[in-house]
């Protein structure tokens, strides 16, 4: 199991940058570089919402809710990476 890292430019007014860590154990970490915000969620807490200009990655983790605006292409890549990490974890658990 390999943790995957990606960097994305957010599609908000500030165009901040996000460092995303996809952990195959089912966890996503998002660090907003410029304002040092950290967000975390389990894969099942995530959802993608398409808007007219971008795609929002939204999460509810406990009482904390957060969202980041991604370019559509970046959101598709992130969705694919999350699905692949989830499949990798499920395969490992079946093999044990």
Protein backbone atom coordinates (compact mmCIF):
# COMPACT_ATOMS: atom_id res chain seq x y z
CA UNK A 1 0.00 0.00 0.00
CA UNK A 2 1.43 3.30 -1.10
CA UNK A 3 0.25 6.73 -0.01
CA UNK A 4 -0.27 9.00 -3.02
CA UNK A 5 0.46 12.73 -2.92
CA UNK A 6 -0.84 15.40 -5.30
CA UNK A 7 -0.72 19.19 -5.45
CA UNK A 8 -3.64 21.17 -6.86
CA UNK A 9 -4.40 24.83 -7.39
CA UNK A 10 -7.77 25.63 -5.84
CA UNK A 11 -10.43 27.28 -7.96
CA UNK A 12 -11.40 29.93 -5.42
CA UNK A 13 -10.85 33.68 -5.35
CA UNK A 14 -7.35 33.32 -3.86
CA UNK A 15 -6.15 30.41 -6.02
CA UNK A 16 -4.43 28.86 -3.03
CA UNK A 17 -2.58 25.56 -3.38
CA UNK A 18 -3.58 22.29 -1.75
CA UNK A 19 -1.36 19.34 -0.96
CA UNK A 20 -3.49 16.20 -0.94
CA UNK A 21 -2.49 12.89 0.61
CA UNK A 22 -4.51 9.80 -0.30
CA UNK A 23 -3.87 7.04 2.20
CA UNK A 24 -5.04 3.56 1.12
CA UNK A 25 -6.33 2.84 4.62
CA UNK A 26 -9.26 5.07 3.66
CA UNK A 27 -8.15 8.52 4.71
CA UNK A 28 -7.68 11.78 2.82
CA UNK A 29 -5.64 14.70 4.15
CA UNK A 30 -5.73 18.15 2.55
CA UNK A 31 -3.29 20.90 3.51
CA UNK A 32 -3.94 24.40 2.18
CA UNK A 33 -0.41 25.70 1.85
CA UNK A 34 -0.90 29.47 2.01
CA UNK A 35 -3.10 29.64 5.12
CA UNK A 36 -1.81 26.45 6.78
CA UNK A 37 -5.27 24.86 7.08
CA UNK A 38 -5.46 21.11 7.48
CA UNK A 39 -8.53 19.04 6.61
CA UNK A 40 -9.04 15.34 7.06
CA UNK A 41 -11.77 12.85 6.21
CA UNK A 42 -12.43 9.19 5.64
CA UNK A 43 -13.20 8.17 2.07
CA UNK A 44 -16.85 7.48 2.89
CA UNK A 45 -17.22 11.04 4.25
CA UNK A 46 -16.25 12.59 0.89
CA UNK A 47 -18.42 13.71 -1.98
CA UNK A 48 -17.82 15.60 -5.19
CA UNK A 49 -20.29 18.31 -6.24
CA UNK A 50 -20.15 19.66 -9.79
CA UNK A 51 -20.87 23.36 -10.22
CA UNK A 52 -20.91 25.44 -13.39
CA UNK A 53 -17.26 26.52 -12.95
CA UNK A 54 -15.54 23.81 -10.93
CA UNK A 55 -16.04 20.73 -8.77
CA UNK A 56 -16.23 20.97 -4.98
CA UNK A 57 -14.72 18.29 -2.81
CA UNK A 58 -16.88 18.29 0.33
CA UNK A 59 -16.49 16.36 3.56
CA UNK A 60 -18.10 16.03 6.95
CA UNK A 61 -15.65 14.64 9.49
CA UNK A 62 -17.26 14.44 12.91
CA UNK A 63 -18.62 17.93 13.59
CA UNK A 64 -16.21 19.52 11.13
CA UNK A 65 -17.40 20.30 7.60
CA UNK A 66 -15.10 21.52 4.90
CA UNK A 67 -14.91 21.95 1.15
CA UNK A 68 -12.37 22.91 -1.48
CA UNK A 69 -12.99 23.99 -5.06
CA UNK A 70 -11.03 21.98 -7.63
CA UNK A 71 -10.61 22.20 -11.36
CA UNK A 72 -12.84 19.57 -12.99
CA UNK A 73 -9.82 17.69 -14.37
CA UNK A 74 -8.15 17.63 -10.94
CA UNK A 75 -11.36 16.45 -9.28
CA UNK A 76 -11.65 13.57 -11.76
CA UNK A 77 -8.06 12.56 -11.09
CA UNK A 78 -8.58 12.73 -7.33
CA UNK A 79 -11.78 10.68 -7.56
CA UNK A 80 -9.93 8.04 -9.59
CA UNK A 81 -7.03 7.96 -7.10
CA UNK A 82 -9.42 7.55 -4.17
CA UNK A 83 -11.25 4.70 -5.92
CA UNK A 84 -7.93 2.99 -6.76
CA UNK A 85 -6.68 3.33 -3.17
CA UNK A 86 -9.95 1.90 -1.88
CA UNK A 87 -9.75 -1.06 -4.28
CA UNK A 88 -6.12 -1.67 -3.30
CA UNK A 89 -7.07 -1.76 0.38
CA UNK A 90 -10.00 -4.11 -0.25
CA UNK A 91 -7.76 -6.44 -2.25
CA UNK A 92 -5.20 -6.51 0.55
CA UNK A 93 -7.87 -7.29 3.14
CA UNK A 94 -9.25 -10.15 1.02
CA UNK A 95 -5.75 -11.59 0.60
CA UNK A 96 -5.14 -11.67 4.35
